[in-house]
Amino acid sequence: MSTSTNDRVGHLGFIHLVPFDRDDPGRGLAEGIELFRFAEELGLDSGWVRTRHMQSGLPSPAVYFAALAQHTQRIGLGSAVIPVGHENPFRLAEDLAVADVLSGGRVLAGLSVHPPAFAEEVNDIVHGEGWRGEDYSYARIERLRDLLAGGSVREKPEYKGFGGDIDSERVEPHAPGLSDRLWYGGGSLRSATWSGEAGLNWLMSNITSAEDGIEDFSLNQVNQIETYRESLSVENGRVSLARVIVPTDSASPVQAAKYRKYAEERTPRTKQVHGKNTIIAPDLLGSTEEIVDYLLSNPAFQASDDYLFELPFEFELDDWKHILHQLATEIGPKLGWTPASS
């Protein structure tokens, strides 16, 4: 199956780190909730949170989704992404299910899998000394999906007459449909192939792999999308493409200067290959017209189903609101997108 060109963007969302001051984390977490409420009012389809361990960023998306569920009614709640190597799949399934039930079935669980990346002595503390023998392959995600789908873990014990007849053979609560709303966040042909074969949705960001001697960022992502679609084992698999995009229209002079400085300082990292074959896309800074022209001409975006704007980590609430307002009221409609109704 080859990639198809989008005539209309049907899904528009954003990705947010939910950063906070380490001495006052409550303020940053509360501002994140306010941003999601604002995004829902604008009609955006989804908001996604990053996962950060031992950093001043959100470490527990499922807990945050439960809070967001109490302050929003419609907007999709995504994770981009949860590194499942840090998780017990059974406990993660329980937490995601609780959040999904509370939100009315709005959780979009983005996942990744890789071995622990800290120094060995830190891994011993974080994961326990048995981490070296754990399986950090794709099978970890397959186990999580089976648990979310209601797969049996045991035979239901016979009721003994005390404690209440509340035992179950599966993860509870069960969240119908959640196992079909899983995304794999990847950036290689190998992970694109596996995601398609496994029937997961495919989530791409501004970081990917240069493969087959190709260093052009968008061309690598087009190849991954084609590989994913050709490998799909289900009828409907979605592709979401995320990129740091900063519109300058309607920005205050202070904001415009901040935006330019931010993009200029990050540009040098996009000029080289990092490590073995990691490449980074330049941030897209410009007017609404420039951004729309880029998105309509970029082959990777045109081959994708969903567009996600990655919000810069270092900005503030007013800046993020400005970006989302431009996305929902100016950029999105020019791409053929229609805001969702509450």
C-alpha atoms as a PDB file:
ATOM      1  CA  MET A   1       0.000   0.000   0.000  1.00  0.00           C
ATOM      2  CA  SER A   2       1.414   3.396  -0.928  1.00  0.00           C
ATOM      3  CA  THR A   3       0.981   6.642   0.954  1.00  0.00           C
ATOM      4  CA  SER A   4      -1.891   8.868  -0.020  1.00  0.00           C
ATOM      5  CA  THR A   5      -1.992  12.639  -0.177  1.00  0.00           C
ATOM      6  CA  ASN A   6      -4.278  14.418   2.289  1.00  0.00           C
ATOM      7  CA  ASP A   7      -6.773  16.853   0.791  1.00  0.00           C
ATOM      8  CA  ARG A   8      -8.018  17.842   4.236  1.00  0.00           C
ATOM      9  CA  VAL A   9      -6.613  17.656   7.752  1.00  0.00           C
ATOM     10  CA  GLY A  10      -9.128  15.843   9.917  1.00  0.00           C
ATOM     11  CA  HIS A  11      -7.300  15.909  13.243  1.00  0.00           C
ATOM     12  CA  LEU A  12      -5.281  18.726  14.806  1.00  0.00           C
ATOM     13  CA  GLY A  13      -3.620  18.651  18.204  1.00  0.00           C
ATOM     14  CA  PHE A  14      -0.585  19.648  20.234  1.00  0.00           C
ATOM     15  CA  ILE A  15       2.136  18.112  22.401  1.00  0.00           C
ATOM     16  CA  HIS A  16       3.146  19.680  25.709  1.00  0.00           C
ATOM     17  CA  LEU A  17       5.924  18.907  28.181  1.00  0.00           C
ATOM     18  CA  VAL A  18       3.976  20.349  31.148  1.00  0.00           C
ATOM     19  CA  PRO A  19       7.175  21.872  32.540  1.00  0.00           C
ATOM     20  CA  PHE A  20       7.345  23.185  36.092  1.00  0.00           C
ATOM     21  CA  ASP A  21       9.626  24.896  38.578  1.00  0.00           C
ATOM     22  CA  ARG A  22      11.167  22.198  40.754  1.00  0.00           C
ATOM     23  CA  ASP A  23      10.479  24.366  43.816  1.00  0.00           C
ATOM     24  CA  ASP A  24       6.863  25.047  42.812  1.00  0.00           C
ATOM     25  CA  PRO A  25       5.657  22.151  40.647  1.00  0.00           C
ATOM     26  CA  GLY A  26       1.990  22.748  41.397  1.00  0.00           C
ATOM     27  CA  ARG A  27       1.896  25.943  39.360  1.00  0.00           C
ATOM     28  CA  GLY A  28       3.211  24.293  36.198  1.00  0.00           C
ATOM     29  CA  LEU A  29       0.846  21.342  36.528  1.00  0.00           C
ATOM     30  CA  ALA A  30      -2.106  23.710  37.038  1.00  0.00           C
ATOM     31  CA  GLU A  31      -1.079  25.787  34.009  1.00  0.00           C
ATOM     32  CA  GLY A  32      -1.029  22.590  31.950  1.00  0.00           C
ATOM     33  CA  ILE A  33      -4.638  21.916  32.918  1.00  0.00           C
ATOM     34  CA  GLU A  34      -5.558  25.489  31.998  1.00  0.00           C
ATOM     35  CA  LEU A  35      -3.874  25.022  28.604  1.00  0.00           C
ATOM     36  CA  PHE A  36      -5.866  21.854  27.902  1.00  0.00           C
ATOM     37  CA  ARG A  37      -9.096  23.640  28.802  1.00  0.00           C
ATOM     38  CA  PHE A  38      -8.145  26.492  26.475  1.00  0.00           C
ATOM     39  CA  ALA A  39      -7.338  24.039  23.673  1.00  0.00           C
ATOM     40  CA  GLU A  40     -10.698  22.330  24.100  1.00  0.00           C
ATOM     41  CA  GLU A  41     -12.494  25.678  23.889  1.00  0.00           C
ATOM     42  CA  LEU A  42     -10.647  26.348  20.618  1.00  0.00           C
ATOM     43  CA  GLY A  43     -11.966  23.061  19.229  1.00  0.00           C
ATOM     44  CA  LEU A  44      -8.620  21.269  18.958  1.00  0.00           C
ATOM     45  CA  ASP A  45      -8.979  17.504  18.733  1.00  0.00           C
ATOM     46  CA  SER A  46      -6.256  16.321  21.105  1.00  0.00           C
ATOM     47  CA  GLY A  47      -3.580  17.351  23.552  1.00  0.00           C
ATOM     48  CA  TRP A  48      -0.602  15.092  24.241  1.00  0.00           C
ATOM     49  CA  VAL A  49       1.813  15.156  27.163  1.00  0.00           C
ATOM     50  CA  ARG A  50       5.430  14.087  27.147  1.00  0.00           C
ATOM     51  CA  THR A  51       6.917  11.787  29.784  1.00  0.00           C
ATOM     52  CA  ARG A  52      10.018  12.909  31.664  1.00  0.00           C
ATOM     53  CA  HIS A  53      11.680  10.953  34.468  1.00  0.00           C
ATOM     54  CA  MET A  54      13.985  12.791  36.887  1.00  0.00           C
ATOM     55  CA  GLN A  55      13.432  16.065  35.030  1.00  0.00           C
ATOM     56  CA  SER A  56      11.212  19.074  35.682  1.00  0.00           C
ATOM     57  CA  GLY A  57       8.530  17.692  33.408  1.00  0.00           C
ATOM     58  CA  LEU A  58       5.534  15.397  33.789  1.00  0.00           C
ATOM     59  CA  PRO A  59       6.558  11.837  34.824  1.00  0.00           C
ATOM     60  CA  SER A  60       3.095  10.253  35.094  1.00  0.00           C
ATOM     61  CA  PRO A  61       0.694  10.843  32.183  1.00  0.00           C
ATOM     62  CA  ALA A  62      -2.015   8.466  33.452  1.00  0.00           C
ATOM     63  CA  VAL A  63      -2.294  10.365  36.745  1.00  0.00           C
ATOM     64  CA  TYR A  64      -2.447  13.652  34.854  1.00  0.00           C
ATOM     65  CA  PHE A  65      -5.116  12.315  32.502  1.00  0.00           C
ATOM     66  CA  ALA A  66      -7.276  11.530  35.520  1.00  0.00           C
ATOM     67  CA  ALA A  67      -6.975  15.183  36.582  1.00  0.00           C
ATOM     68  CA  LEU A  68      -7.586  16.471  33.060  1.00  0.00           C
ATOM     69  CA  ALA A  69     -10.671  14.278  32.832  1.00  0.00           C
ATOM     70  CA  GLN A  70     -12.225  16.375  35.598  1.00  0.00           C
ATOM     71  CA  HIS A  71     -11.580  19.674  33.791  1.00  0.00           C
ATOM     72  CA  THR A  72     -12.362  18.785  30.167  1.00  0.00           C
ATOM     73  CA  GLN A  73     -15.189  16.977  28.419  1.00  0.00           C
ATOM     74  CA  ARG A  74     -14.163  16.217  24.840  1.00  0.00           C
ATOM     75  CA  ILE A  75     -10.514  16.700  23.903  1.00  0.00           C
ATOM     76  CA  GLY A  76      -8.396  13.572  23.356  1.00  0.00           C
ATOM     77  CA  LEU A  77      -5.745  12.912  26.027  1.00  0.00           C
ATOM     78  CA  GLY A  78      -2.553  11.556  24.497  1.00  0.00           C
ATOM     79  CA  SER A  79       0.900  10.546  25.718  1.00  0.00           C
ATOM     80  CA  ALA A  80       3.885  11.215  23.489  1.00  0.00           C
ATOM     81  CA  VAL A  81       5.261   8.947  24.691  1.00  0.00           C
ATOM     82  CA  ILE A  82       5.338   6.648  27.737  1.00  0.00           C
ATOM     83  CA  PRO A  83       8.642   4.708  27.763  1.00  0.00           C
ATOM     84  CA  VAL A  84       7.308   1.295  28.745  1.00  0.00           C
ATOM     85  CA  GLY A  85      10.751   0.169  29.877  1.00  0.00           C
ATOM     86  CA  HIS A  86      10.107   2.198  33.034  1.00  0.00           C
ATOM     87  CA  GLU A  87       6.740   0.545  33.602  1.00  0.00           C
ATOM     88  CA  ASN A  88       5.279  -2.683  34.843  1.00  0.00           C
ATOM     89  CA  PRO A  89       2.794  -3.431  32.013  1.00  0.00           C
ATOM     90  CA  PHE A  90       0.217  -4.754  34.482  1.00  0.00           C
ATOM     91  CA  ARG A  91       0.276  -1.634  36.665  1.00  0.00           C
ATOM     92  CA  LEU A  92       0.410   0.676  33.656  1.00  0.00           C
ATOM     93  CA  ALA A  93      -2.662  -1.067  32.231  1.00  0.00           C
ATOM     94  CA  GLU A  94      -4.545  -0.424  35.484  1.00  0.00           C
ATOM     95  CA  ASP A  95      -3.587   3.259  35.579  1.00  0.00           C
ATOM     96  CA  LEU A  96      -4.414   3.897  31.921  1.00  0.00           C
ATOM     97  CA  ALA A  97      -7.738   2.089  32.311  1.00  0.00           C
ATOM     98  CA  VAL A  98      -8.743   4.205  35.317  1.00  0.00           C
ATOM     99  CA  ALA A  99      -7.865   7.392  33.403  1.00  0.00           C
ATOM    100  CA  ASP A 100      -9.744   6.212  30.325  1.00  0.00           C
ATOM    101  CA  VAL A 101     -12.888   5.362  32.264  1.00  0.00           C
ATOM    102  CA  LEU A 102     -12.806   8.710  34.078  1.00  0.00           C
ATOM    103  CA  SER A 103     -12.355  10.578  30.779  1.00  0.00           C
ATOM    104  CA  GLY A 104     -15.120   8.737  28.969  1.00  0.00           C
ATOM    105  CA  GLY A 105     -12.805   6.886  26.601  1.00  0.00           C
ATOM    106  CA  ARG A 106     -10.520   9.736  25.547  1.00  0.00           C
ATOM    107  CA  VAL A 107      -7.057   8.321  26.309  1.00  0.00           C
ATOM    108  CA  LEU A 108      -4.656   7.975  23.364  1.00  0.00           C
ATOM    109  CA  ALA A 109      -1.724   6.046  24.785  1.00  0.00           C
ATOM    110  CA  GLY A 110       1.503   6.707  22.889  1.00  0.00           C
ATOM    111  CA  LEU A 111       4.250   4.247  23.810  1.00  0.00           C
ATOM    112  CA  SER A 112       7.892   3.434  23.160  1.00  0.00           C
ATOM    113  CA  VAL A 113      10.183   0.663  24.306  1.00  0.00           C
ATOM    114  CA  HIS A 114      13.920   0.552  24.877  1.00  0.00           C
ATOM    115  CA  PRO A 115      16.316  -0.712  27.562  1.00  0.00           C
ATOM    116  CA  PRO A 116      17.060   1.453  30.626  1.00  0.00           C
ATOM    117  CA  ALA A 117      19.328   4.308  29.601  1.00  0.00           C
ATOM    118  CA  PHE A 118      20.716   5.550  32.909  1.00  0.00           C
ATOM    119  CA  ALA A 119      24.103   4.604  34.319  1.00  0.00           C
ATOM    120  CA  GLU A 120      24.047   1.097  35.789  1.00  0.00           C
ATOM    121  CA  GLU A 121      24.079   2.268  39.391  1.00  0.00           C
ATOM    122  CA  VAL A 122      21.104   4.550  38.669  1.00  0.00           C
ATOM    123  CA  ASN A 123      19.274   1.747  36.847  1.00  0.00           C
ATOM    124  CA  ASP A 124      19.718  -0.405  39.965  1.00  0.00           C
ATOM    125  CA  ILE A 125      17.842   2.226  41.992  1.00  0.00           C
ATOM    126  CA  VAL A 126      15.175   3.028  39.392  1.00  0.00           C
ATOM    127  CA  HIS A 127      14.402  -0.448  38.083  1.00  0.00           C
ATOM    128  CA  GLY A 128      15.676  -2.750  40.801  1.00  0.00           C
ATOM    129  CA  GLU A 129      18.757  -4.918  40.506  1.00  0.00           C
ATOM    130  CA  GLY A 130      16.941  -7.469  38.349  1.00  0.00           C
ATOM    131  CA  TRP A 131      16.554  -5.058  35.433  1.00  0.00           C
ATOM    132  CA  ARG A 132      19.323  -6.720  33.422  1.00  0.00           C
ATOM    133  CA  GLY A 133      17.185  -9.823  32.997  1.00  0.00           C
ATOM    134  CA  GLU A 134      14.020  -8.014  31.916  1.00  0.00           C
ATOM    135  CA  ASP A 135      12.589  -8.194  28.394  1.00  0.00           C
ATOM    136  CA  TYR A 136      12.666  -4.704  26.855  1.00  0.00           C
ATOM    137  CA  SER A 137      11.540  -5.803  23.409  1.00  0.00           C
ATOM    138  CA  TYR A 138       8.288  -4.962  21.618  1.00  0.00           C
ATOM    139  CA  ALA A 139       6.788  -7.897  23.533  1.00  0.00           C
ATOM    140  CA  ARG A 140       6.467  -5.570  26.535  1.00  0.00           C
ATOM    141  CA  ILE A 141       3.967  -3.444  24.628  1.00  0.00           C
ATOM    142  CA  GLU A 142       2.167  -6.502  23.290  1.00  0.00           C
ATOM    143  CA  ARG A 143       1.691  -7.671  26.881  1.00  0.00           C
ATOM    144  CA  LEU A 144       0.310  -4.259  27.851  1.00  0.00           C
ATOM    145  CA  ARG A 145      -2.145  -4.316  24.951  1.00  0.00           C
ATOM    146  CA  ASP A 146      -3.355  -7.790  25.822  1.00  0.00           C
ATOM    147  CA  LEU A 147      -3.997  -6.697  29.405  1.00  0.00           C
ATOM    148  CA  LEU A 148      -5.886  -3.597  28.219  1.00  0.00           C
ATOM    149  CA  ALA A 149      -7.968  -5.745  25.876  1.00  0.00           C
ATOM    150  CA  GLY A 150      -9.202  -7.789  28.821  1.00  0.00           C
ATOM    151  CA  GLY A 151      -6.893 -10.756  28.456  1.00  0.00           C
ATOM    152  CA  SER A 152      -7.211 -13.267  31.277  1.00  0.00           C
ATOM    153  CA  VAL A 153      -4.425 -13.210  33.858  1.00  0.00           C
ATOM    154  CA  ARG A 154      -5.773 -16.073  35.980  1.00  0.00           C
ATOM    155  CA  GLU A 155      -8.852 -18.144  36.610  1.00  0.00           C
ATOM    156  CA  LYS A 156     -11.346 -16.279  38.751  1.00  0.00           C
ATOM    157  CA  PRO A 157     -11.066 -17.659  42.296  1.00  0.00           C
ATOM    158  CA  GLU A 158     -14.113 -19.237  43.866  1.00  0.00           C
ATOM    159  CA  TYR A 159     -15.847 -16.957  46.359  1.00  0.00           C
ATOM    160  CA  LYS A 160     -15.004 -18.097  49.889  1.00  0.00           C
ATOM    161  CA  GLY A 161     -17.755 -16.219  51.680  1.00  0.00           C
ATOM    162  CA  PHE A 162     -15.745 -13.311  53.067  1.00  0.00           C
ATOM    163  CA  GLY A 163     -14.224 -10.108  51.698  1.00  0.00           C
ATOM    164  CA  GLY A 164     -16.865  -9.698  49.004  1.00  0.00           C
ATOM    165  CA  ASP A 165     -17.194 -11.481  45.679  1.00  0.00           C
ATOM    166  CA  ILE A 166     -15.186  -8.868  43.767  1.00  0.00           C
ATOM    167  CA  ASP A 167     -12.357 -10.922  42.282  1.00  0.00           C
ATOM    168  CA  SER A 168     -11.713 -10.733  38.549  1.00  0.00           C
ATOM    169  CA  GLU A 169      -9.627 -12.710  36.074  1.00  0.00           C
ATOM    170  CA  ARG A 170      -8.517  -9.583  34.181  1.00  0.00           C
ATOM    171  CA  VAL A 171      -7.216  -6.067  34.741  1.00  0.00           C
ATOM    172  CA  GLU A 172      -9.898  -3.876  36.265  1.00  0.00           C
ATOM    173  CA  PRO A 173     -11.458  -1.542  35.482  1.00  0.00           C
ATOM    174  CA  HIS A 174     -11.840  -2.640  31.897  1.00  0.00           C
ATOM    175  CA  ALA A 175     -11.802   0.272  29.437  1.00  0.00           C
ATOM    176  CA  PRO A 176     -13.473  -0.865  26.195  1.00  0.00           C
ATOM    177  CA  GLY A 177     -11.624   0.298  23.090  1.00  0.00           C
ATOM    178  CA  LEU A 178      -8.496   1.507  24.869  1.00  0.00           C
ATOM    179  CA  SER A 179      -6.373  -1.319  23.466  1.00  0.00           C
ATOM    180  CA  ASP A 180      -7.279  -0.038  19.968  1.00  0.00           C
ATOM    181  CA  ARG A 181      -6.125   3.487  20.808  1.00  0.00           C
ATOM    182  CA  LEU A 182      -2.443   2.692  21.248  1.00  0.00           C
ATOM    183  CA  TRP A 183       0.277   4.507  19.312  1.00  0.00           C
ATOM    184  CA  TYR A 184       3.908   3.603  18.873  1.00  0.00           C
ATOM    185  CA  GLY A 185       6.272   6.550  18.844  1.00  0.00           C
ATOM    186  CA  GLY A 186       9.122   5.627  16.544  1.00  0.00           C
ATOM    187  CA  GLY A 187      11.598   6.921  14.039  1.00  0.00           C
ATOM    188  CA  SER A 188      12.986   3.990  12.070  1.00  0.00           C
ATOM    189  CA  LEU A 189      11.945   1.587   9.334  1.00  0.00           C
ATOM    190  CA  ARG A 190      12.205  -1.281  11.815  1.00  0.00           C
ATOM    191  CA  SER A 191       9.751   0.262  14.271  1.00  0.00           C
ATOM    192  CA  ALA A 192       7.456   1.351  11.424  1.00  0.00           C
ATOM    193  CA  THR A 193       7.322  -2.249  10.216  1.00  0.00           C
ATOM    194  CA  TRP A 194       6.610  -3.638  13.674  1.00  0.00           C
ATOM    195  CA  SER A 195       3.935  -1.020  14.423  1.00  0.00           C
ATOM    196  CA  GLY A 196       2.118  -1.822  11.213  1.00  0.00           C
ATOM    197  CA  GLU A 197       2.325  -5.578  11.719  1.00  0.00           C
ATOM    198  CA  ALA A 198       1.172  -5.192  15.334  1.00  0.00           C
ATOM    199  CA  GLY A 199      -1.773  -3.029  14.270  1.00  0.00           C
ATOM    200  CA  LEU A 200      -0.783  -0.007  16.378  1.00  0.00           C
ATOM    201  CA  ASN A 201      -1.090   3.582  15.186  1.00  0.00           C
ATOM    202  CA  TRP A 202       2.139   5.332  14.178  1.00  0.00           C
ATOM    203  CA  LEU A 203       3.417   8.521  15.856  1.00  0.00           C
ATOM    204  CA  MET A 204       6.377  10.507  14.475  1.00  0.00           C
ATOM    205  CA  SER A 205       8.159  13.539  15.869  1.00  0.00           C
ATOM    206  CA  ASN A 206      10.863  16.046  14.955  1.00  0.00           C
ATOM    207  CA  ILE A 207      13.545  13.414  15.630  1.00  0.00           C
ATOM    208  CA  THR A 208      14.056  10.446  13.324  1.00  0.00           C
ATOM    209  CA  SER A 209      16.674   8.121  11.812  1.00  0.00           C
ATOM    210  CA  ALA A 210      18.671   8.667   8.636  1.00  0.00           C
ATOM    211  CA  GLU A 211      18.509   5.295   6.863  1.00  0.00           C
ATOM    212  CA  ASP A 212      19.530   3.783   3.540  1.00  0.00           C
ATOM    213  CA  GLY A 213      22.023   6.608   3.008  1.00  0.00           C
ATOM    214  CA  ILE A 214      19.265   9.258   3.067  1.00  0.00           C
ATOM    215  CA  GLU A 215      19.765  12.317   5.285  1.00  0.00           C
ATOM    216  CA  ASP A 216      16.754  14.323   4.065  1.00  0.00           C
ATOM    217  CA  PHE A 217      14.451  14.448   7.093  1.00  0.00           C
ATOM    218  CA  SER A 218      11.085  14.457   5.345  1.00  0.00           C
ATOM    219  CA  LEU A 219      12.096  11.766   2.860  1.00  0.00           C
ATOM    220  CA  ASN A 220      13.053   9.450   5.716  1.00  0.00           C
ATOM    221  CA  GLN A 221       9.652  10.017   7.319  1.00  0.00           C
ATOM    222  CA  VAL A 222       7.864   9.393   4.016  1.00  0.00           C
ATOM    223  CA  ASN A 223       9.719   6.082   3.724  1.00  0.00           C
ATOM    224  CA  GLN A 224       8.650   5.174   7.255  1.00  0.00           C
ATOM    225  CA  ILE A 225       5.020   6.038   6.522  1.00  0.00           C
ATOM    226  CA  GLU A 226       5.051   3.916   3.373  1.00  0.00           C
ATOM    227  CA  THR A 227       6.662   1.041   5.282  1.00  0.00           C
ATOM    228  CA  TYR A 228       4.092   1.348   8.055  1.00  0.00           C
ATOM    229  CA  ARG A 229       1.119   1.354   5.684  1.00  0.00           C
ATOM    230  CA  GLU A 230       2.500  -1.577   3.673  1.00  0.00           C
ATOM    231  CA  SER A 231       2.942  -3.555   6.915  1.00  0.00           C
ATOM    232  CA  LEU A 232      -0.499  -2.798   8.376  1.00  0.00           C
ATOM    233  CA  SER A 233      -2.339  -5.826   9.681  1.00  0.00           C
ATOM    234  CA  VAL A 234      -5.545  -3.893  10.428  1.00  0.00           C
ATOM    235  CA  GLU A 235      -7.856  -1.891   8.197  1.00  0.00           C
ATOM    236  CA  ASN A 236      -7.477   1.455   9.927  1.00  0.00           C
ATOM    237  CA  GLY A 237      -4.085   2.538  11.195  1.00  0.00           C
ATOM    238  CA  ARG A 238      -3.483   6.255  11.692  1.00  0.00           C
ATOM    239  CA  VAL A 239      -0.289   8.231  11.195  1.00  0.00           C
ATOM    240  CA  SER A 240       0.349  11.323  13.336  1.00  0.00           C
ATOM    241  CA  LEU A 241       3.199  13.692  12.545  1.00  0.00           C
ATOM    242  CA  ALA A 242       4.468  16.119  15.187  1.00  0.00           C
ATOM    243  CA  ARG A 243       6.793  19.044  14.622  1.00  0.00           C
ATOM    244  CA  VAL A 244       7.852  22.164  16.515  1.00  0.00           C
ATOM    245  CA  ILE A 245       5.921  24.930  14.711  1.00  0.00           C
ATOM    246  CA  VAL A 246       5.869  28.496  16.013  1.00  0.00           C
ATOM    247  CA  PRO A 247       3.578  31.028  14.281  1.00  0.00           C
ATOM    248  CA  THR A 248       4.619  34.661  14.550  1.00  0.00           C
ATOM    249  CA  ASP A 249       1.404  36.368  13.377  1.00  0.00           C
ATOM    250  CA  SER A 250      -0.288  38.347  16.182  1.00  0.00           C
ATOM    251  CA  ALA A 251       2.701  37.796  18.475  1.00  0.00           C
ATOM    252  CA  SER A 252       3.716  40.735  20.640  1.00  0.00           C
ATOM    253  CA  PRO A 253       7.153  42.270  19.959  1.00  0.00           C
ATOM    254  CA  VAL A 254       8.470  40.562  23.080  1.00  0.00           C
ATOM    255  CA  GLN A 255       7.055  37.216  22.002  1.00  0.00           C
ATOM    256  CA  ALA A 256       8.366  37.583  18.442  1.00  0.00           C
ATOM    257  CA  ALA A 257      11.874  38.287  19.717  1.00  0.00           C
ATOM    258  CA  LYS A 258      11.681  35.318  22.075  1.00  0.00           C
ATOM    259  CA  TYR A 259      10.458  33.043  19.270  1.00  0.00           C
ATOM    260  CA  ARG A 260      13.266  34.082  16.913  1.00  0.00           C
ATOM    261  CA  LYS A 261      15.936  33.653  19.571  1.00  0.00           C
ATOM    262  CA  TYR A 262      14.593  30.227  20.438  1.00  0.00           C
ATOM    263  CA  ALA A 263      14.646  29.006  16.829  1.00  0.00           C
ATOM    264  CA  GLU A 264      18.100  30.452  16.137  1.00  0.00           C
ATOM    265  CA  GLU A 265      19.635  28.768  19.168  1.00  0.00           C
ATOM    266  CA  ARG A 266      18.193  25.370  18.178  1.00  0.00           C
ATOM    267  CA  THR A 267      19.068  25.472  14.481  1.00  0.00           C
ATOM    268  CA  PRO A 268      22.711  24.272  14.756  1.00  0.00           C
ATOM    269  CA  ARG A 269      21.627  20.870  16.106  1.00  0.00           C
ATOM    270  CA  THR A 270      19.700  20.236  12.889  1.00  0.00           C
ATOM    271  CA  LYS A 271      22.847  20.554  10.753  1.00  0.00           C
ATOM    272  CA  GLN A 272      24.455  17.261  11.766  1.00  0.00           C
ATOM    273  CA  VAL A 273      23.819  13.579  12.346  1.00  0.00           C
ATOM    274  CA  HIS A 274      23.824  12.698  16.044  1.00  0.00           C
ATOM    275  CA  GLY A 275      25.229   9.385  17.241  1.00  0.00           C
ATOM    276  CA  LYS A 276      24.773   6.569  14.747  1.00  0.00           C
ATOM    277  CA  ASN A 277      22.045   8.026  12.534  1.00  0.00           C
ATOM    278  CA  THR A 278      19.773  10.398  14.483  1.00  0.00           C
ATOM    279  CA  ILE A 279      18.660  13.562  12.687  1.00  0.00           C
ATOM    280  CA  ILE A 280      16.531  16.462  13.901  1.00  0.00           C
ATOM    281  CA  ALA A 281      14.123  18.589  11.874  1.00  0.00           C
ATOM    282  CA  PRO A 282      14.468  22.374  11.989  1.00  0.00           C
ATOM    283  CA  ASP A 283      11.761  24.195  13.922  1.00  0.00           C
ATOM    284  CA  LEU A 284       9.278  25.947  11.649  1.00  0.00           C
ATOM    285  CA  LEU A 285       9.054  29.623  12.600  1.00  0.00           C
ATOM    286  CA  GLY A 286       7.072  32.008  10.436  1.00  0.00           C
ATOM    287  CA  SER A 287       3.815  33.619   9.445  1.00  0.00           C
ATOM    288  CA  THR A 288       0.576  31.725   9.038  1.00  0.00           C
ATOM    289  CA  GLU A 289       1.016  31.836   5.268  1.00  0.00           C
ATOM    290  CA  GLU A 290       4.566  30.460   5.463  1.00  0.00           C
ATOM    291  CA  ILE A 291       3.534  27.656   7.807  1.00  0.00           C
ATOM    292  CA  VAL A 292       0.521  26.642   5.704  1.00  0.00           C
ATOM    293  CA  ASP A 293       2.611  26.671   2.520  1.00  0.00           C
ATOM    294  CA  TYR A 294       5.198  24.441   4.189  1.00  0.00           C
ATOM    295  CA  LEU A 295       2.648  21.944   5.479  1.00  0.00           C
ATOM    296  CA  LEU A 296       0.869  21.741   2.125  1.00  0.00           C
ATOM    297  CA  SER A 297       4.130  21.136   0.280  1.00  0.00           C
ATOM    298  CA  ASN A 298       5.871  18.842   2.744  1.00  0.00           C
ATOM    299  CA  PRO A 299       5.542  15.207   1.567  1.00  0.00           C
ATOM    300  CA  ALA A 300       5.646  13.729   5.077  1.00  0.00           C
ATOM    301  CA  PHE A 301       2.805  15.921   6.332  1.00  0.00           C
ATOM    302  CA  GLN A 302       0.811  15.241   3.186  1.00  0.00           C
ATOM    303  CA  ALA A 303       1.171  11.495   3.765  1.00  0.00           C
ATOM    304  CA  SER A 304       0.001  11.771   7.399  1.00  0.00           C
ATOM    305  CA  ASP A 305      -3.476  11.663   8.889  1.00  0.00           C
ATOM    306  CA  ASP A 306      -3.042  13.846  11.985  1.00  0.00           C
ATOM    307  CA  TYR A 307      -0.968  16.977  12.617  1.00  0.00           C
ATOM    308  CA  LEU A 308       0.426  17.756  16.080  1.00  0.00           C
ATOM    309  CA  PHE A 309       2.179  20.996  17.032  1.00  0.00           C
ATOM    310  CA  GLU A 310       4.993  20.434  19.545  1.00  0.00           C
ATOM    311  CA  LEU A 311       5.044  23.323  22.003  1.00  0.00           C
ATOM    312  CA  PRO A 312       8.525  24.642  22.909  1.00  0.00           C
ATOM    313  CA  PHE A 313       9.625  23.652  26.398  1.00  0.00           C
ATOM    314  CA  GLU A 314      11.039  27.034  27.382  1.00  0.00           C
ATOM    315  CA  PHE A 315       8.017  29.232  26.666  1.00  0.00           C
ATOM    316  CA  GLU A 316       5.305  30.388  29.068  1.00  0.00           C
ATOM    317  CA  LEU A 317       1.542  29.928  29.281  1.00  0.00           C
ATOM    318  CA  ASP A 318       0.698  33.080  27.283  1.00  0.00           C
ATOM    319  CA  ASP A 319       3.083  31.994  24.516  1.00  0.00           C
ATOM    320  CA  TRP A 320       1.588  28.496  24.329  1.00  0.00           C
ATOM    321  CA  LYS A 321      -1.912  29.969  24.228  1.00  0.00           C
ATOM    322  CA  HIS A 322      -0.868  32.254  21.381  1.00  0.00           C
ATOM    323  CA  ILE A 323       0.485  29.304  19.383  1.00  0.00           C
ATOM    324  CA  LEU A 324      -2.646  27.225  19.937  1.00  0.00           C
ATOM    325  CA  HIS A 325      -4.913  30.152  19.068  1.00  0.00           C
ATOM    326  CA  GLN A 326      -3.098  30.650  15.762  1.00  0.00           C
ATOM    327  CA  LEU A 327      -3.232  26.912  15.116  1.00  0.00           C
ATOM    328  CA  ALA A 328      -6.974  26.647  15.724  1.00  0.00           C
ATOM    329  CA  THR A 329      -8.193  29.935  14.228  1.00  0.00           C
ATOM    330  CA  GLU A 330      -5.797  30.595  11.344  1.00  0.00           C
ATOM    331  CA  ILE A 331      -3.591  27.657  10.351  1.00  0.00           C
ATOM    332  CA  GLY A 332      -6.037  24.806  10.830  1.00  0.00           C
ATOM    333  CA  PRO A 333      -8.880  26.288   8.785  1.00  0.00           C
ATOM    334  CA  LYS A 334      -6.490  27.078   5.929  1.00  0.00           C
ATOM    335  CA  LEU A 335      -5.549  23.372   5.930  1.00  0.00           C
ATOM    336  CA  GLY A 336      -9.203  22.380   5.611  1.00  0.00           C
ATOM    337  CA  TRP A 337      -9.593  21.522   9.283  1.00  0.00           C
ATOM    338  CA  THR A 338     -12.848  22.184  11.155  1.00  0.00           C
ATOM    339  CA  PRO A 339     -12.851  22.801  14.934  1.00  0.00           C
ATOM    340  CA  ALA A 340     -14.643  20.205  17.028  1.00  0.00           C
ATOM    341  CA  SER A 341     -17.777  21.276  18.845  1.00  0.00           C
ATOM    342  CA  SER A 342     -17.996  20.867  22.601  1.00  0.00           C
END
